[in-house]
Amino acid sequence: MGMRSEHENLKSHINTLRVVIFGMFIVVAAMWLSLQESIKTQSVSIPPDLRSGATVELGKAHPANVFAFTSYIFQMLNDWPVDGSKDYGKNIYKLQAYLSKSYMEKLLGETKLKGARGELEGRTRQLKLLAGYDEQHVDIISDTSWVVWLDIELTEHVKGLEIKRLNIRYPIKIKKIDSQPDTNPWGLIIDGYTQPPFELKDVAK
């Protein structure tokens, strides 16, 4: 009787340990899942001039970085080294992660229209930034939206002959989005213009 009672106690103790171990496994698994969910890539936007110090916030874009993004992507978008009828569309699809849906659709419509008019075939285009970052070149609309004023020298050639050389100001809308680091590490997109671009003739900004 005593041995049977001892056997029952041992069996009960083992069952209790199993329940405890299973419970600990559930807790550890829940903690692991919670940790995986909380691990996210955080971006830190560093201003270019740190001589006076700077306060930075995770996930908040500094205007200088917004300007750098805009000038870099916009120049890549409009770089037609061989033939605009091929280069322009290829650039749009290549950079689609950095373009809003509405702006991308507008650009594709533009390529179709210009292509039908024969305005792209055999044409090359090059953009040159006329001025670097300045606080006056970025209007802060909110923490997630800006207007970047790019001053650009636009040059176009057809069959080696220069047909256009203009200095143009582009007022470009930029928005911050939630994006995957492997597709859009900037977390920014171009959303078109606030107004039509215009030729730059001693315009102060």
Protein backbone atom coordinates (compact mmCIF):
# COMPACT_ATOMS: atom_id res chain seq x y z
CA MET A 1 0.00 0.00 0.00
CA GLY A 2 2.86 2.33 0.94
CA MET A 3 4.80 1.56 -2.24
CA ARG A 4 1.70 2.13 -4.34
CA SER A 5 1.11 5.47 -2.65
CA GLU A 6 4.73 6.45 -3.21
CA HIS A 7 4.41 5.40 -6.87
CA GLU A 8 1.28 7.51 -7.29
CA ASN A 9 3.01 10.53 -5.68
CA LEU A 10 6.01 10.14 -8.00
CA LYS A 11 3.73 9.84 -11.03
CA SER A 12 1.82 12.94 -9.94
CA HIS A 13 5.08 14.83 -9.42
CA ILE A 14 6.30 13.87 -12.89
CA ASN A 15 3.02 15.01 -14.42
CA THR A 16 3.31 18.29 -12.56
CA LEU A 17 6.85 18.76 -13.89
CA ARG A 18 5.61 18.08 -17.40
CA VAL A 19 2.95 20.74 -17.05
CA VAL A 20 5.50 23.22 -15.67
CA ILE A 21 7.98 22.48 -18.48
CA PHE A 22 5.25 22.79 -21.10
CA GLY A 23 4.15 26.08 -19.55
CA MET A 24 7.73 27.38 -19.59
CA PHE A 25 8.04 26.33 -23.24
CA ILE A 26 4.92 28.33 -24.08
CA VAL A 27 6.25 31.39 -22.23
CA VAL A 28 9.66 31.18 -23.94
CA ALA A 29 8.03 30.73 -27.35
CA ALA A 30 5.77 33.74 -26.73
CA MET A 31 8.75 35.84 -25.63
CA TRP A 32 10.69 34.80 -28.75
CA LEU A 33 7.81 35.71 -31.04
CA SER A 34 7.38 39.02 -29.25
CA LEU A 35 11.10 39.74 -29.63
CA GLN A 36 11.01 38.94 -33.34
CA GLU A 37 8.04 41.25 -33.78
CA SER A 38 9.77 44.08 -31.95
CA ILE A 39 13.03 43.79 -33.91
CA LYS A 40 12.72 46.34 -36.70
CA THR A 41 15.33 48.26 -38.66
CA GLN A 42 15.47 51.81 -37.36
CA SER A 43 16.75 54.62 -39.55
CA VAL A 44 18.65 57.56 -38.13
CA SER A 45 18.87 60.72 -40.22
CA ILE A 46 22.12 62.56 -39.53
CA PRO A 47 22.36 66.26 -40.49
CA PRO A 48 25.43 67.17 -42.58
CA ASP A 49 26.84 69.76 -40.15
CA LEU A 50 27.45 68.46 -36.62
CA ARG A 51 29.77 71.24 -35.44
CA SER A 52 27.09 72.67 -33.17
CA GLY A 53 25.75 69.27 -32.18
CA ALA A 54 22.44 67.79 -33.20
CA THR A 55 19.42 66.02 -31.77
CA VAL A 56 18.31 63.08 -33.89
CA GLU A 57 15.16 60.99 -33.65
CA LEU A 58 14.68 57.44 -34.83
CA GLY A 59 12.71 57.28 -38.05
CA LYS A 60 12.60 61.05 -38.56
CA ALA A 61 14.14 62.34 -41.79
CA HIS A 62 16.35 65.42 -41.70
CA PRO A 63 15.72 67.92 -44.55
CA ALA A 64 19.30 67.44 -45.79
CA ASN A 65 18.67 63.72 -46.24
CA VAL A 66 15.35 64.41 -47.94
CA PHE A 67 17.19 66.72 -50.36
CA ALA A 68 19.90 64.11 -50.98
CA PHE A 69 17.27 61.44 -51.70
CA THR A 70 15.36 63.70 -54.08
CA SER A 71 18.36 64.85 -56.09
CA TYR A 72 19.76 61.32 -56.35
CA ILE A 73 16.55 59.56 -57.43
CA PHE A 74 15.36 62.39 -59.69
CA GLN A 75 18.65 62.49 -61.59
CA MET A 76 18.65 58.71 -62.00
CA LEU A 77 15.06 58.82 -63.26
CA ASN A 78 15.94 61.38 -65.93
CA ASP A 79 19.26 59.93 -67.05
CA TRP A 80 18.91 58.75 -70.67
CA PRO A 81 22.45 57.83 -71.71
CA VAL A 82 21.55 55.95 -74.91
CA ASP A 83 17.97 56.35 -76.08
CA GLY A 84 15.07 58.01 -74.25
CA SER A 85 12.52 55.67 -75.84
CA LYS A 86 14.14 52.81 -73.93
CA ASP A 87 15.97 54.45 -71.04
CA TYR A 88 13.02 56.47 -69.68
CA GLY A 89 10.61 53.55 -69.23
CA LYS A 90 13.38 51.32 -67.91
CA ASN A 91 14.28 53.94 -65.29
CA ILE A 92 10.67 54.30 -64.17
CA TYR A 93 10.27 50.57 -63.50
CA LYS A 94 13.73 50.32 -61.95
CA LEU A 95 12.93 53.12 -59.48
CA GLN A 96 9.26 52.31 -58.89
CA ALA A 97 9.87 51.63 -55.17
CA TYR A 98 10.81 55.32 -54.85
CA LEU A 99 7.79 56.69 -56.73
CA SER A 100 4.20 57.07 -55.58
CA LYS A 101 1.65 55.08 -57.57
CA SER A 102 0.03 58.23 -58.99
CA TYR A 103 3.37 59.75 -60.02
CA MET A 104 4.50 56.52 -61.65
CA GLU A 105 1.27 56.32 -63.63
CA LYS A 106 1.75 59.92 -64.74
CA LEU A 107 5.30 59.21 -65.89
CA LEU A 108 4.24 56.12 -67.82
CA GLY A 109 1.52 58.15 -69.50
CA GLU A 110 4.14 60.76 -70.38
CA THR A 111 6.44 58.18 -71.96
CA LYS A 112 3.54 56.85 -74.04
CA LEU A 113 2.57 60.34 -75.24
CA LYS A 114 6.13 61.47 -75.95
CA GLY A 115 6.88 58.17 -77.65
CA ALA A 116 3.87 58.56 -79.95
CA ARG A 117 5.10 62.03 -80.88
CA GLY A 118 8.61 60.78 -81.59
CA GLU A 119 10.06 62.90 -78.77
CA LEU A 120 12.06 60.11 -77.14
CA GLU A 121 13.63 58.01 -79.87
CA GLY A 122 17.34 58.68 -80.29
CA ARG A 123 17.22 61.38 -77.60
CA THR A 124 19.61 61.47 -74.65
CA ARG A 125 19.16 63.52 -71.49
CA GLN A 126 21.45 64.51 -68.67
CA LEU A 127 20.69 66.42 -65.49
CA LYS A 128 23.22 68.39 -63.52
CA LEU A 129 22.48 69.73 -60.04
CA LEU A 130 23.19 73.46 -59.94
CA ALA A 131 23.14 73.89 -56.17
CA GLY A 132 23.64 71.61 -53.18
CA TYR A 133 21.60 71.43 -50.03
CA ASP A 134 20.41 74.62 -48.40
CA GLU A 135 17.64 74.98 -45.81
CA GLN A 136 15.73 77.20 -48.23
CA HIS A 137 15.61 74.37 -50.76
CA VAL A 138 13.41 72.17 -48.55
CA ASP A 139 9.97 73.23 -47.34
CA ILE A 140 8.82 71.16 -44.36
CA ILE A 141 5.10 70.51 -44.71
CA SER A 142 4.91 67.96 -41.88
CA ASP A 143 7.02 65.22 -40.28
CA THR A 144 6.17 63.01 -43.26
CA SER A 145 5.99 65.41 -46.19
CA TRP A 146 8.25 67.98 -47.84
CA VAL A 147 8.66 70.07 -50.97
CA VAL A 148 12.19 69.97 -52.38
CA TRP A 149 13.26 72.69 -54.82
CA LEU A 150 15.84 71.27 -57.21
CA ASP A 151 17.74 73.64 -59.50
CA ILE A 152 18.81 71.56 -62.48
CA GLU A 153 20.70 72.10 -65.70
CA LEU A 154 18.90 69.93 -68.27
CA THR A 155 20.74 68.99 -71.46
CA GLU A 156 19.33 66.94 -74.32
CA HIS A 157 20.91 65.65 -77.52
CA VAL A 158 19.56 63.93 -80.62
CA LYS A 159 22.13 62.01 -82.67
CA GLY A 160 24.92 63.92 -80.95
CA LEU A 161 23.41 67.33 -81.67
CA GLU A 162 22.52 69.45 -78.66
CA ILE A 163 18.89 70.53 -78.93
CA LYS A 164 18.20 71.78 -75.41
CA ARG A 165 20.13 73.28 -72.51
CA LEU A 166 18.02 74.89 -69.81
CA ASN A 167 18.26 75.71 -66.13
CA ILE A 168 15.02 74.54 -64.55
CA ARG A 169 13.57 74.64 -61.05
CA TYR A 170 11.60 71.55 -60.04
CA PRO A 171 9.27 71.80 -56.99
CA ILE A 172 9.10 68.12 -56.01
CA LYS A 173 6.72 66.60 -53.46
CA ILE A 174 8.28 64.03 -51.14
CA LYS A 175 6.46 61.71 -48.74
CA LYS A 176 7.66 59.40 -46.00
CA ILE A 177 6.29 55.86 -46.10
CA ASP A 178 6.66 52.58 -44.23
CA SER A 179 8.87 50.47 -46.44
CA GLN A 180 11.10 47.42 -46.34
CA PRO A 181 14.83 48.25 -46.05
CA ASP A 182 15.68 45.88 -48.90
CA THR A 183 13.33 47.64 -51.36
CA ASN A 184 13.41 51.26 -50.17
CA PRO A 185 16.01 51.95 -47.45
CA TRP A 186 15.24 55.69 -47.57
CA GLY A 187 11.59 55.24 -46.61
CA LEU A 188 10.79 58.15 -48.95
CA ILE A 189 8.99 58.47 -52.29
CA ILE A 190 8.62 61.15 -54.97
CA ASP A 191 4.99 62.18 -55.37
CA GLY A 192 5.14 64.53 -58.35
CA TYR A 193 5.28 68.34 -58.45
CA THR A 194 3.48 70.98 -56.43
CA GLN A 195 3.36 73.11 -59.60
CA PRO A 196 4.80 72.83 -63.11
CA PRO A 197 8.62 73.12 -63.26
CA PHE A 198 9.79 76.43 -64.65
CA GLU A 199 12.89 77.88 -66.27
CA LEU A 200 15.29 79.37 -63.78
CA LYS A 201 16.06 82.99 -64.57
CA ASP A 202 17.55 84.72 -61.56
CA VAL A 203 14.72 83.46 -59.34
CA ALA A 204 15.48 83.77 -55.65
CA LYS A 205 14.40 81.05 -53.27
